C-alpha atoms as a PDB file:
ATOM      1  CA  MET A   1     105.691 121.942 103.369  1.00  0.00           C
ATOM      2  CA  LYS A   2     103.041 121.549 100.649  1.00  0.00           C
ATOM      3  CA  PRO A   3      99.469 120.597 101.687  1.00  0.00           C
ATOM      4  CA  VAL A   4      99.449 117.349  99.712  1.00  0.00           C
ATOM      5  CA  ILE A   5      99.756 113.605 100.298  1.00  0.00           C
ATOM      6  CA  TYR A   6     101.505 111.889  97.385  1.00  0.00           C
ATOM      7  CA  GLY A   7     101.347 108.301  96.192  1.00  0.00           C
ATOM      8  CA  LEU A   8     104.391 106.321  95.048  1.00  0.00           C
ATOM      9  CA  SER A   9     104.911 104.335  91.859  1.00  0.00           C
ATOM     10  CA  GLY A  10     106.420 101.113  93.191  1.00  0.00           C
ATOM     11  CA  LEU A  11     108.186  99.128  95.883  1.00  0.00           C
ATOM     12  CA  ALA A  12     110.994 101.660  96.394  1.00  0.00           C
ATOM     13  CA  LEU A  13     111.534 105.350  95.690  1.00  0.00           C
ATOM     14  CA  THR A  14     112.833 106.174  92.210  1.00  0.00           C
ATOM     15  CA  ASP A  15     115.468 108.853  91.693  1.00  0.00           C
ATOM     16  CA  ASP A  16     112.862 111.101  90.058  1.00  0.00           C
ATOM     17  CA  GLU A  17     110.512 110.667  93.004  1.00  0.00           C
ATOM     18  CA  ARG A  18     113.264 111.488  95.460  1.00  0.00           C
ATOM     19  CA  ALA A  19     114.058 114.690  93.583  1.00  0.00           C
ATOM     20  CA  LEU A  20     110.431 115.791  93.317  1.00  0.00           C
ATOM     21  CA  TYR A  21     109.580 114.964  96.926  1.00  0.00           C
ATOM     22  CA  ARG A  22     112.710 116.696  98.184  1.00  0.00           C
ATOM     23  CA  ASP A  23     111.771 119.885  96.325  1.00  0.00           C
ATOM     24  CA  ALA A  24     108.017 119.784  96.974  1.00  0.00           C
ATOM     25  CA  ASP A  25     108.229 118.637 100.621  1.00  0.00           C
ATOM     26  CA  PRO A  26     104.738 117.070 100.694  1.00  0.00           C
ATOM     27  CA  CYS A  27     102.934 116.748 104.010  1.00  0.00           C
ATOM     28  CA  GLY A  28     102.958 112.958 103.696  1.00  0.00           C
ATOM     29  CA  TYR A  29     102.542 109.844 101.572  1.00  0.00           C
ATOM     30  CA  ILE A  30      99.967 107.129 100.885  1.00  0.00           C
ATOM     31  CA  LEU A  31     100.681 103.484 100.040  1.00  0.00           C
ATOM     32  CA  PHE A  32      98.787 100.968  97.893  1.00  0.00           C
ATOM     33  CA  LYS A  33      99.208  97.318  96.918  1.00  0.00           C
ATOM     34  CA  ARG A  34     101.714  98.297  94.242  1.00  0.00           C
ATOM     35  CA  ASN A  35     103.949  99.552  97.065  1.00  0.00           C
ATOM     36  CA  VAL A  36     103.694  96.421  99.205  1.00  0.00           C
ATOM     37  CA  ALA A  37     105.635  93.143  98.934  1.00  0.00           C
ATOM     38  CA  ASP A  38     106.653  91.965 102.400  1.00  0.00           C
ATOM     39  CA  ARG A  39     107.589  93.247 105.851  1.00  0.00           C
ATOM     40  CA  ALA A  40     111.244  93.943 105.112  1.00  0.00           C
ATOM     41  CA  GLN A  41     110.536  95.799 101.856  1.00  0.00           C
ATOM     42  CA  LEU A  42     107.704  97.829 103.342  1.00  0.00           C
ATOM     43  CA  ARG A  43     109.696  98.857 106.406  1.00  0.00           C
ATOM     44  CA  ALA A  44     112.602  99.892 104.184  1.00  0.00           C
ATOM     45  CA  LEU A  45     110.220 101.993 102.081  1.00  0.00           C
ATOM     46  CA  THR A  46     108.646 103.800 105.032  1.00  0.00           C
ATOM     47  CA  ASP A  47     112.071 104.364 106.586  1.00  0.00           C
ATOM     48  CA  SER A  48     113.202 105.984 103.334  1.00  0.00           C
ATOM     49  CA  LEU A  49     110.166 108.302 103.397  1.00  0.00           C
ATOM     50  CA  ARG A  50     110.919 109.398 106.948  1.00  0.00           C
ATOM     51  CA  GLU A  51     114.557 109.979 106.096  1.00  0.00           C
ATOM     52  CA  LEU A  52     113.669 111.986 102.981  1.00  0.00           C
ATOM     53  CA  SER A  53     111.146 114.175 104.809  1.00  0.00           C
ATOM     54  CA  GLY A  54     113.321 114.710 107.868  1.00  0.00           C
ATOM     55  CA  ARG A  55     110.245 114.170 110.077  1.00  0.00           C
ATOM     56  CA  ASP A  56     109.901 111.109 112.292  1.00  0.00           C
ATOM     57  CA  ASP A  57     106.142 111.643 112.408  1.00  0.00           C
ATOM     58  CA  VAL A  58     105.574 112.293 108.705  1.00  0.00           C
ATOM     59  CA  PRO A  59     102.097 110.882 107.947  1.00  0.00           C
ATOM     60  CA  ILE A  60     102.397 107.617 106.024  1.00  0.00           C
ATOM     61  CA  LEU A  61      98.897 106.535 105.081  1.00  0.00           C
ATOM     62  CA  ILE A  62      97.249 103.345 103.882  1.00  0.00           C
ATOM     63  CA  ASP A  63      93.677 102.082 103.384  1.00  0.00           C
ATOM     64  CA  GLN A  64      93.586  99.027 105.627  1.00  0.00           C
ATOM     65  CA  GLU A  65      89.946  98.293 106.492  1.00  0.00           C
ATOM     66  CA  GLY A  66      89.469  94.591 105.831  1.00  0.00           C
ATOM     67  CA  GLY A  67      87.522  92.822 103.121  1.00  0.00           C
ATOM     68  CA  LYS A  68      88.140  94.228  99.634  1.00  0.00           C
ATOM     69  CA  VAL A  69      89.979  97.271 100.985  1.00  0.00           C
ATOM     70  CA  GLN A  70      93.207  95.971 102.493  1.00  0.00           C
ATOM     71  CA  ARG A  71      96.494  96.816 100.838  1.00  0.00           C
ATOM     72  CA  MET A  72      98.442  94.415 103.067  1.00  0.00           C
ATOM     73  CA  GLY A  73      97.073  90.898 102.757  1.00  0.00           C
ATOM     74  CA  PRO A  74      97.841  87.217 102.257  1.00  0.00           C
ATOM     75  CA  PRO A  75     100.212  85.500 102.132  1.00  0.00           C
ATOM     76  CA  GLU A  76     102.369  87.948 104.109  1.00  0.00           C
ATOM     77  CA  TRP A  77      99.555  89.158 106.365  1.00  0.00           C
ATOM     78  CA  PRO A  78      96.225  87.590 107.379  1.00  0.00           C
ATOM     79  CA  ASP A  79      92.950  88.285 105.629  1.00  0.00           C
ATOM     80  CA  PHE A  80      90.726  90.587 107.721  1.00  0.00           C
ATOM     81  CA  PRO A  81      86.904  90.870 107.648  1.00  0.00           C
ATOM     82  CA  ALA A  82      85.072  94.024 106.555  1.00  0.00           C
ATOM     83  CA  GLY A  83      82.572  96.269 108.325  1.00  0.00           C
ATOM     84  CA  PRO A  84      79.371  94.265 107.644  1.00  0.00           C
ATOM     85  CA  ALA A  85      80.687  91.341 109.741  1.00  0.00           C
ATOM     86  CA  PHE A  86      80.697  93.581 112.803  1.00  0.00           C
ATOM     87  CA  ASP A  87      77.329  95.077 111.900  1.00  0.00           C
ATOM     88  CA  ALA A  88      75.838  91.556 111.866  1.00  0.00           C
ATOM     89  CA  LEU A  89      77.267  90.874 115.323  1.00  0.00           C
ATOM     90  CA  TYR A  90      75.946  94.190 116.627  1.00  0.00           C
ATOM     91  CA  GLU A  91      72.458  93.047 115.630  1.00  0.00           C
ATOM     92  CA  ILE A  92      72.527  90.345 118.317  1.00  0.00           C
ATOM     93  CA  ALA A  93      75.243  91.529 120.737  1.00  0.00           C
ATOM     94  CA  PRO A  94      76.150  95.246 120.584  1.00  0.00           C
ATOM     95  CA  VAL A  95      78.790  95.181 123.313  1.00  0.00           C
ATOM     96  CA  SER A  96      80.466  92.149 121.749  1.00  0.00           C
ATOM     97  CA  ALA A  97      80.499  93.880 118.355  1.00  0.00           C
ATOM     98  CA  ILE A  98      82.181  96.944 119.810  1.00  0.00           C
ATOM     99  CA  GLU A  99      84.788  94.787 121.550  1.00  0.00           C
ATOM    100  CA  ALA A 100      85.362  92.758 118.396  1.00  0.00           C
ATOM    101  CA  VAL A 101      85.879  95.760 116.138  1.00  0.00           C
ATOM    102  CA  ARG A 102      88.153  97.415 118.723  1.00  0.00           C
ATOM    103  CA  ALA A 103      90.338  94.281 118.810  1.00  0.00           C
ATOM    104  CA  HIS A 104      90.225  94.172 115.007  1.00  0.00           C
ATOM    105  CA  ALA A 105      91.459  97.771 114.799  1.00  0.00           C
ATOM    106  CA  HIS A 106      94.100  97.257 117.474  1.00  0.00           C
ATOM    107  CA  ALA A 107      95.484  94.240 115.595  1.00  0.00           C
ATOM    108  CA  THR A 108      95.428  96.237 112.368  1.00  0.00           C
ATOM    109  CA  ALA A 109      97.422  99.007 114.030  1.00  0.00           C
ATOM    110  CA  LEU A 110     100.035  96.575 115.325  1.00  0.00           C
ATOM    111  CA  MET A 111     100.443  95.235 111.808  1.00  0.00           C
ATOM    112  CA  LEU A 112     100.848  98.753 110.378  1.00  0.00           C
ATOM    113  CA  ASN A 113     103.090 100.016 113.149  1.00  0.00           C
ATOM    114  CA  GLU A 114     105.497  97.130 112.607  1.00  0.00           C
ATOM    115  CA  VAL A 115     106.203  98.329 109.063  1.00  0.00           C
ATOM    116  CA  GLY A 116     106.315 102.054 109.846  1.00  0.00           C
ATOM    117  CA  ILE A 117     102.808 103.093 108.771  1.00  0.00           C
ATOM    118  CA  ASN A 118     101.245 105.556 111.204  1.00  0.00           C
ATOM    119  CA  THR A 119      97.930 106.561 109.612  1.00  0.00           C
ATOM    120  CA  ASP A 120      94.991 104.418 108.460  1.00  0.00           C
ATOM    121  CA  CYS A 121      92.216 105.838 106.260  1.00  0.00           C
ATOM    122  CA  TRP A 122      89.531 104.185 108.354  1.00  0.00           C
ATOM    123  CA  PRO A 123      86.849 104.030 109.809  1.00  0.00           C
ATOM    124  CA  LEU A 124      84.030 104.615 107.351  1.00  0.00           C
ATOM    125  CA  LEU A 125      81.245 106.497 109.114  1.00  0.00           C
ATOM    126  CA  ASP A 126      78.977 106.384 106.062  1.00  0.00           C
ATOM    127  CA  VAL A 127      75.405 105.346 106.922  1.00  0.00           C
ATOM    128  CA  ASN A 128      74.053 102.694 104.568  1.00  0.00           C
ATOM    129  CA  GLN A 129      70.816 103.338 102.685  1.00  0.00           C
ATOM    130  CA  PRO A 130      68.823 100.726 100.714  1.00  0.00           C
ATOM    131  CA  ASP A 131      70.426 101.897  97.443  1.00  0.00           C
ATOM    132  CA  THR A 132      73.940 102.779  98.634  1.00  0.00           C
ATOM    133  CA  THR A 133      76.562 102.079  95.986  1.00  0.00           C
ATOM    134  CA  GLU A 134      78.289  98.738  96.510  1.00  0.00           C
ATOM    135  CA  ALA A 135      81.595 100.631  96.678  1.00  0.00           C
ATOM    136  CA  ILE A 136      80.473 101.691 100.169  1.00  0.00           C
ATOM    137  CA  SER A 137      77.870  99.125 101.268  1.00  0.00           C
ATOM    138  CA  ILE A 138      80.319  96.188 101.309  1.00  0.00           C
ATOM    139  CA  ARG A 139      82.540  98.159 103.703  1.00  0.00           C
ATOM    140  CA  ALA A 140      80.121 100.107 105.898  1.00  0.00           C
ATOM    141  CA  LEU A 141      79.400  99.561 109.584  1.00  0.00           C
ATOM    142  CA  GLY A 142      75.628  99.694 109.235  1.00  0.00           C
ATOM    143  CA  SER A 143      72.492 101.690 108.502  1.00  0.00           C
ATOM    144  CA  GLU A 144      71.850 103.129 111.955  1.00  0.00           C
ATOM    145  CA  PRO A 145      73.858 106.268 112.892  1.00  0.00           C
ATOM    146  CA  MET A 146      74.363 105.450 116.583  1.00  0.00           C
ATOM    147  CA  ARG A 147      75.643 101.969 115.708  1.00  0.00           C
ATOM    148  CA  VAL A 148      78.023 103.340 113.089  1.00  0.00           C
ATOM    149  CA  ALA A 149      79.351 105.944 115.520  1.00  0.00           C
ATOM    150  CA  ALA A 150      79.807 103.442 118.357  1.00  0.00           C
ATOM    151  CA  MET A 151      81.842 101.060 116.222  1.00  0.00           C
ATOM    152  CA  GLY A 152      83.668 103.953 114.552  1.00  0.00           C
ATOM    153  CA  ARG A 153      84.812 105.205 117.943  1.00  0.00           C
ATOM    154  CA  ALA A 154      85.999 101.700 118.874  1.00  0.00           C
ATOM    155  CA  ILE A 155      88.036 101.590 115.647  1.00  0.00           C
ATOM    156  CA  LEU A 156      89.669 104.940 116.401  1.00  0.00           C
ATOM    157  CA  GLU A 157      90.486 103.739 119.918  1.00  0.00           C
ATOM    158  CA  GLY A 158      91.889 100.439 118.682  1.00  0.00           C
ATOM    159  CA  LEU A 159      94.073 102.130 116.087  1.00  0.00           C
ATOM    160  CA  ARG A 160      95.375 104.647 118.615  1.00  0.00           C
ATOM    161  CA  SER A 161      96.255 101.856 121.068  1.00  0.00           C
ATOM    162  CA  GLY A 162      98.520 100.437 118.370  1.00  0.00           C
ATOM    163  CA  GLY A 163     100.142 103.776 117.555  1.00  0.00           C
ATOM    164  CA  VAL A 164      98.127 104.592 114.431  1.00  0.00           C
ATOM    165  CA  VAL A 165      96.007 107.670 113.647  1.00  0.00           C
ATOM    166  CA  GLY A 166      92.551 107.000 112.185  1.00  0.00           C
ATOM    167  CA  VAL A 167      90.881 109.020 109.412  1.00  0.00           C
ATOM    168  CA  VAL A 168      87.068 109.173 109.485  1.00  0.00           C
ATOM    169  CA  LYS A 169      85.476 109.139 106.044  1.00  0.00           C
ATOM    170  CA  HIS A 170      83.733 110.199 103.823  1.00  0.00           C
ATOM    171  CA  MET A 171      82.526 113.549 105.173  1.00  0.00           C
ATOM    172  CA  PRO A 172      79.745 114.642 105.247  1.00  0.00           C
ATOM    173  CA  GLY A 173      78.519 111.139 104.297  1.00  0.00           C
ATOM    174  CA  HIS A 174      78.651 108.774 101.317  1.00  0.00           C
ATOM    175  CA  GLY A 175      75.657 106.572 102.103  1.00  0.00           C
ATOM    176  CA  ARG A 176      73.185 108.239  99.744  1.00  0.00           C
ATOM    177  CA  ALA A 177      75.468 108.010  96.715  1.00  0.00           C
ATOM    178  CA  LYS A 178      74.057 105.521  94.219  1.00  0.00           C
ATOM    179  CA  VAL A 179      77.169 105.464  92.014  1.00  0.00           C
ATOM    180  CA  ASP A 180      80.867 104.979  92.682  1.00  0.00           C
ATOM    181  CA  THR A 181      82.858 108.227  92.842  1.00  0.00           C
ATOM    182  CA  HIS A 182      85.837 106.414  91.311  1.00  0.00           C
ATOM    183  CA  HIS A 183      83.870 106.554  88.046  1.00  0.00           C
ATOM    184  CA  HIS A 184      80.972 109.030  88.365  1.00  0.00           C
ATOM    185  CA  LEU A 185      79.893 112.180  90.217  1.00  0.00           C
ATOM    186  CA  PRO A 186      76.900 111.361  92.463  1.00  0.00           C
ATOM    187  CA  THR A 187      74.220 113.940  93.187  1.00  0.00           C
ATOM    188  CA  VAL A 188      72.245 113.634  96.431  1.00  0.00           C
ATOM    189  CA  THR A 189      68.822 115.291  96.458  1.00  0.00           C
ATOM    190  CA  ALA A 190      67.951 114.655 100.111  1.00  0.00           C
ATOM    191  CA  SER A 191      66.859 117.641 102.194  1.00  0.00           C
ATOM    192  CA  ASP A 192      68.923 119.281 104.889  1.00  0.00           C
ATOM    193  CA  ALA A 193      66.701 117.620 107.506  1.00  0.00           C
ATOM    194  CA  GLU A 194      67.103 114.177 105.911  1.00  0.00           C
ATOM    195  CA  LEU A 195      70.883 114.600 105.792  1.00  0.00           C
ATOM    196  CA  GLU A 196      70.987 114.861 109.583  1.00  0.00           C
ATOM    197  CA  VAL A 197      71.074 111.040 109.533  1.00  0.00           C
ATOM    198  CA  ASP A 198      74.215 111.100 107.381  1.00  0.00           C
ATOM    199  CA  ILE A 199      76.157 113.607 109.439  1.00  0.00           C
ATOM    200  CA  GLU A 200      75.206 112.195 112.851  1.00  0.00           C
ATOM    201  CA  PRO A 201      78.115 109.716 113.147  1.00  0.00           C
ATOM    202  CA  PHE A 202      80.593 112.415 112.097  1.00  0.00           C
ATOM    203  CA  ARG A 203      79.089 114.838 114.596  1.00  0.00           C
ATOM    204  CA  THR A 204      79.345 112.213 117.344  1.00  0.00           C
ATOM    205  CA  LEU A 205      83.024 111.695 116.477  1.00  0.00           C
ATOM    206  CA  ALA A 206      83.790 115.333 115.677  1.00  0.00           C
ATOM    207  CA  ASP A 207      86.881 115.076 117.874  1.00  0.00           C
ATOM    208  CA  ALA A 208      88.498 112.580 115.470  1.00  0.00           C
ATOM    209  CA  PRO A 209      92.071 113.599 114.599  1.00  0.00           C
ATOM    210  CA  MET A 210      91.660 113.388 110.814  1.00  0.00           C
ATOM    211  CA  GLY A 211      88.807 113.292 108.313  1.00  0.00           C
ATOM    212  CA  MET A 212      88.319 112.781 104.582  1.00  0.00           C
ATOM    213  CA  THR A 213      85.829 114.468 102.253  1.00  0.00           C
ATOM    214  CA  SER A 214      83.509 112.888  99.684  1.00  0.00           C
ATOM    215  CA  HIS A 215      83.255 113.823  96.001  1.00  0.00           C
ATOM    216  CA  ILE A 216      79.468 114.188  96.082  1.00  0.00           C
ATOM    217  CA  VAL A 217      77.109 117.049  95.199  1.00  0.00           C
ATOM    218  CA  PHE A 218      74.602 117.666  97.998  1.00  0.00           C
ATOM    219  CA  GLU A 219      71.878 119.793  96.441  1.00  0.00           C
ATOM    220  CA  ALA A 220      70.558 120.897  99.842  1.00  0.00           C
ATOM    221  CA  TRP A 221      73.881 122.643 100.507  1.00  0.00           C
ATOM    222  CA  ASP A 222      75.594 123.389  97.183  1.00  0.00           C
ATOM    223  CA  GLN A 223      73.930 122.504  93.881  1.00  0.00           C
ATOM    224  CA  GLU A 224      77.024 123.233  91.784  1.00  0.00           C
ATOM    225  CA  ARG A 225      80.065 121.806  93.549  1.00  0.00           C
ATOM    226  CA  PRO A 226      80.944 118.445  95.146  1.00  0.00           C
ATOM    227  CA  ALA A 227      81.746 118.546  98.851  1.00  0.00           C
ATOM    228  CA  THR A 228      85.516 118.401  98.264  1.00  0.00           C
ATOM    229  CA  LEU A 229      85.419 121.611  96.207  1.00  0.00           C
ATOM    230  CA  SER A 230      82.637 123.406  98.068  1.00  0.00           C
ATOM    231  CA  PRO A 231      83.479 126.154 100.595  1.00  0.00           C
ATOM    232  CA  ILE A 232      79.854 125.916 101.716  1.00  0.00           C
ATOM    233  CA  VAL A 233      80.062 122.213 102.561  1.00  0.00           C
ATOM    234  CA  VAL A 234      83.552 122.415 104.071  1.00  0.00           C
ATOM    235  CA  GLU A 235      83.006 125.511 106.203  1.00  0.00           C
ATOM    236  CA  GLN A 236      79.281 125.461 106.970  1.00  0.00           C
ATOM    237  CA  VAL A 237      78.628 121.710 107.133  1.00  0.00           C
ATOM    238  CA  ILE A 238      81.866 119.896 108.019  1.00  0.00           C
ATOM    239  CA  ARG A 239      83.378 122.626 110.184  1.00  0.00           C
ATOM    240  CA  GLY A 240      80.023 124.118 111.220  1.00  0.00           C
ATOM    241  CA  LYS A 241      77.137 121.627 111.506  1.00  0.00           C
ATOM    242  CA  ILE A 242      79.383 118.667 112.261  1.00  0.00           C
ATOM    243  CA  GLY A 243      81.857 120.674 114.343  1.00  0.00           C
ATOM    244  CA  PHE A 244      84.935 118.900 113.004  1.00  0.00           C
ATOM    245  CA  ASP A 245      88.180 120.788 113.633  1.00  0.00           C
ATOM    246  CA  GLY A 246      90.620 117.996 112.846  1.00  0.00           C
ATOM    247  CA  LEU A 247      92.879 117.695 109.810  1.00  0.00           C
ATOM    248  CA  LEU A 248      90.647 117.502 106.715  1.00  0.00           C
ATOM    249  CA  MET A 249      91.956 115.813 103.578  1.00  0.00           C
ATOM    250  CA  THR A 250      90.266 115.181 100.265  1.00  0.00           C
ATOM    251  CA  ASP A 251      89.406 111.781  98.922  1.00  0.00           C
ATOM    252  CA  ASP A 252      91.684 110.897  96.000  1.00  0.00           C
ATOM    253  CA  ILE A 253      91.461 113.780  93.527  1.00  0.00           C
ATOM    254  CA  ASP A 254      92.173 111.395  90.650  1.00  0.00           C
ATOM    255  CA  MET A 255      88.653 109.965  90.940  1.00  0.00           C
ATOM    256  CA  LYS A 256      86.464 110.606  87.905  1.00  0.00           C
ATOM    257  CA  ALA A 257      83.851 112.357  90.067  1.00  0.00           C
ATOM    258  CA  LEU A 258      86.018 115.477  89.804  1.00  0.00           C
ATOM    259  CA  SER A 259      86.873 117.292  86.569  1.00  0.00           C
ATOM    260  CA  GLY A 260      89.888 119.367  85.591  1.00  0.00           C
ATOM    261  CA  THR A 261      93.619 118.773  85.812  1.00  0.00           C
ATOM    262  CA  ALA A 262      95.202 117.400  88.962  1.00  0.00           C
ATOM    263  CA  GLY A 263      96.568 120.821  89.832  1.00  0.00           C
ATOM    264  CA  GLU A 264      93.239 122.558  89.254  1.00  0.00           C
ATOM    265  CA  LYS A 265      91.421 120.069  91.460  1.00  0.00           C
ATOM    266  CA  ALA A 266      94.062 120.346  94.153  1.00  0.00           C
ATOM    267  CA  ALA A 267      93.978 124.132  94.167  1.00  0.00           C
ATOM    268  CA  GLY A 268      90.181 124.086  94.222  1.00  0.00           C
ATOM    269  CA  ALA A 269      90.081 121.795  97.244  1.00  0.00           C
ATOM    270  CA  ILE A 270      92.507 123.955  99.227  1.00  0.00           C
ATOM    271  CA  ALA A 271      90.569 127.083  98.254  1.00  0.00           C
ATOM    272  CA  ALA A 272      87.387 125.386  99.504  1.00  0.00           C
ATOM    273  CA  GLY A 273      88.937 124.962 102.953  1.00  0.00           C
ATOM    274  CA  CYS A 274      90.439 121.447 102.917  1.00  0.00           C
ATOM    275  CA  ASP A 275      93.745 121.180 104.776  1.00  0.00           C
ATOM    276  CA  LEU A 276      95.278 118.547 102.492  1.00  0.00           C
ATOM    277  CA  VAL A 277      94.950 117.120  98.995  1.00  0.00           C
ATOM    278  CA  LEU A 278      95.185 113.359  98.490  1.00  0.00           C
ATOM    279  CA  ASP A 279      96.852 112.500  95.162  1.00  0.00           C
ATOM    280  CA  CYS A 280      97.279 108.766  95.097  1.00  0.00           C
ATOM    281  CA  TRP A 281      98.741 107.498  91.864  1.00  0.00           C
ATOM    282  CA  GLY A 282     102.353 108.670  91.825  1.00  0.00           C
ATOM    283  CA  ARG A 283     102.212 110.228  88.347  1.00  0.00           C
ATOM    284  CA  MET A 284     105.181 112.561  88.056  1.00  0.00           C
ATOM    285  CA  ASP A 285     103.557 115.162  85.797  1.00  0.00           C
ATOM    286  CA  GLU A 286     100.472 115.456  88.001  1.00  0.00           C
ATOM    287  CA  MET A 287     102.476 115.662  91.220  1.00  0.00           C
ATOM    288  CA  ALA A 288     104.697 118.344  89.717  1.00  0.00           C
ATOM    289  CA  GLU A 289     101.678 120.376  88.600  1.00  0.00           C
ATOM    290  CA  ILE A 290     100.149 120.150  92.066  1.00  0.00           C
ATOM    291  CA  ALA A 291     103.401 121.280  93.680  1.00  0.00           C
ATOM    292  CA  THR A 292     103.543 124.259  91.321  1.00  0.00           C
ATOM    293  CA  LEU A 293      99.968 125.395  92.015  1.00  0.00           C
ATOM    294  CA  LEU A 294      99.847 124.895  95.785  1.00  0.00           C
ATOM    295  CA  GLY A 295     101.413 127.275  98.273  1.00  0.00           C
ATOM    296  CA  ASP A 296     102.804 126.313 101.627  1.00  0.00           C
ATOM    297  CA  MET A 297     100.546 124.620 104.160  1.00  0.00           C
ATOM    298  CA  PRO A 298      98.760 127.311 106.218  1.00  0.00           C
ATOM    299  CA  ALA A 299      99.615 127.639 109.909  1.00  0.00           C
ATOM    300  CA  LYS A 300      96.146 126.465 110.997  1.00  0.00           C
ATOM    301  CA  SER A 301      96.492 123.313 108.907  1.00  0.00           C
ATOM    302  CA  VAL A 302      99.971 122.652 110.318  1.00  0.00           C
ATOM    303  CA  GLU A 303      98.534 123.012 113.818  1.00  0.00           C
ATOM    304  CA  ARG A 304      95.819 120.471 112.995  1.00  0.00           C
ATOM    305  CA  LEU A 305      98.452 118.118 111.582  1.00  0.00           C
ATOM    306  CA  ASP A 306     100.625 118.405 114.681  1.00  0.00           C
ATOM    307  CA  ARG A 307      97.625 117.856 116.939  1.00  0.00           C
ATOM    308  CA  ALA A 308      96.582 114.733 115.011  1.00  0.00           C
ATOM    309  CA  MET A 309     100.027 113.153 115.029  1.00  0.00           C
ATOM    310  CA  ALA A 310     100.460 113.978 118.725  1.00  0.00           C
ATOM    311  CA  THR A 311      97.605 111.574 119.544  1.00  0.00           C
ATOM    312  CA  VAL A 312      99.962 108.642 118.944  1.00  0.00           C
ATOM    313  CA  LYS A 313     103.227 110.232 120.025  1.00  0.00           C
ATOM    314  CA  GLY A 314     104.975 108.040 122.550  1.00  0.00           C
ATOM    315  CA  VAL A 315     102.529 105.146 122.136  1.00  0.00           C
ATOM    316  CA  THR A 316     104.380 101.854 122.545  1.00  0.00           C
ATOM    317  CA  PRO A 317     102.266  98.982 121.180  1.00  0.00           C
ATOM    318  CA  GLU A 318     102.473  96.118 123.636  1.00  0.00           C
ATOM    319  CA  ALA A 319      99.432  93.938 122.943  1.00  0.00           C
ATOM    320  CA  ASP A 320      99.733  90.473 121.429  1.00  0.00           C
ATOM    321  CA  PHE A 321      98.588  90.356 117.804  1.00  0.00           C
ATOM    322  CA  ASP A 322      97.468  86.721 117.890  1.00  0.00           C
ATOM    323  CA  GLU A 323      95.470  87.255 121.073  1.00  0.00           C
ATOM    324  CA  LEU A 324      93.638  90.223 119.549  1.00  0.00           C
ATOM    325  CA  ILE A 325      92.783  88.218 116.426  1.00  0.00           C
ATOM    326  CA  ALA A 326      91.590  85.294 118.549  1.00  0.00           C
ATOM    327  CA  LYS A 327      89.393  87.618 120.613  1.00  0.00           C
ATOM    328  CA  ARG A 328      87.881  89.182 117.498  1.00  0.00           C
ATOM    329  CA  ASP A 329      87.192  85.859 115.838  1.00  0.00           C
ATOM    330  CA  SER A 330      85.666  84.273 118.931  1.00  0.00           C
ATOM    331  CA  LEU A 331      83.219  87.173 119.158  1.00  0.00           C
ATOM    332  CA  LEU A 332      82.398  87.150 115.449  1.00  0.00           C
ATOM    333  CA  ALA A 333      81.692  83.409 115.784  1.00  0.00           C
ATOM    334  CA  LEU A 334      78.629  84.327 117.874  1.00  0.00           C
ATOM    335  CA  VAL A 335      76.753  85.244 114.718  1.00  0.00           C
END
């Protein structure tokens, strides 16, 4: 099994994809809007991925947060709110905000579970700053670490109740980035002491099953390499300071924040200590290069994978979707 999560090109597997995935045996897959039409199509697609991998618990990922980041949306599925809605409620009623975001996550998990998706790249634990890039600020849970951690934990709990594993992101924190890593490489000049604010939510939720890195240079820790490619940040900060021992994947290595070929970036991330590489766009040449340059997934990474997927093993979602949505919306209406 290769330490990579691959994207897919369309609504169903192509013959070329089947051949590549069968040979490469990637750890899992990630889905985007281009892979989503309706319930029947999406369930057929995820079933085909499980059949191809030969693993019932193969990680099938999606970014389903709410707001601008929801791959499954109207008209087939309802439109969900984003993080700032819950932050606004927390301002006047913290307990209600936690209950609302837990119901929100539980409903999200039911929606994903129905179509065979078992992993959601959510929650964001990034702490907003006054100049945080809009790519994060419109999704974040707030600017106070304790608040972000409290709602992040509720999201993880809600997802798990619906049979879905959550992925905390973007470690060790994306809140001080002033530019979008999809297009640029941010450099953060804050001191080690100042960055304690950024890592606090991740430290509080260090027992999360999965985490995702950020493509950001933190000068206090490594002036040359972004977190994803930095052994210093991965081992000393994420594994050390934060204490995270869950499955650690990269953010999408196709983002322009990173330079080099797909294979070079993938190999660099694994060498830095990441467990998995996230390669999202389903480009055959890039996926083939990655498969060629990566060895098999190390035993420690496989153990982390098994531990993460075990958190939802045997979970039978029984809650009522409409009731969860009604509960969430009645609480959000307090604002």
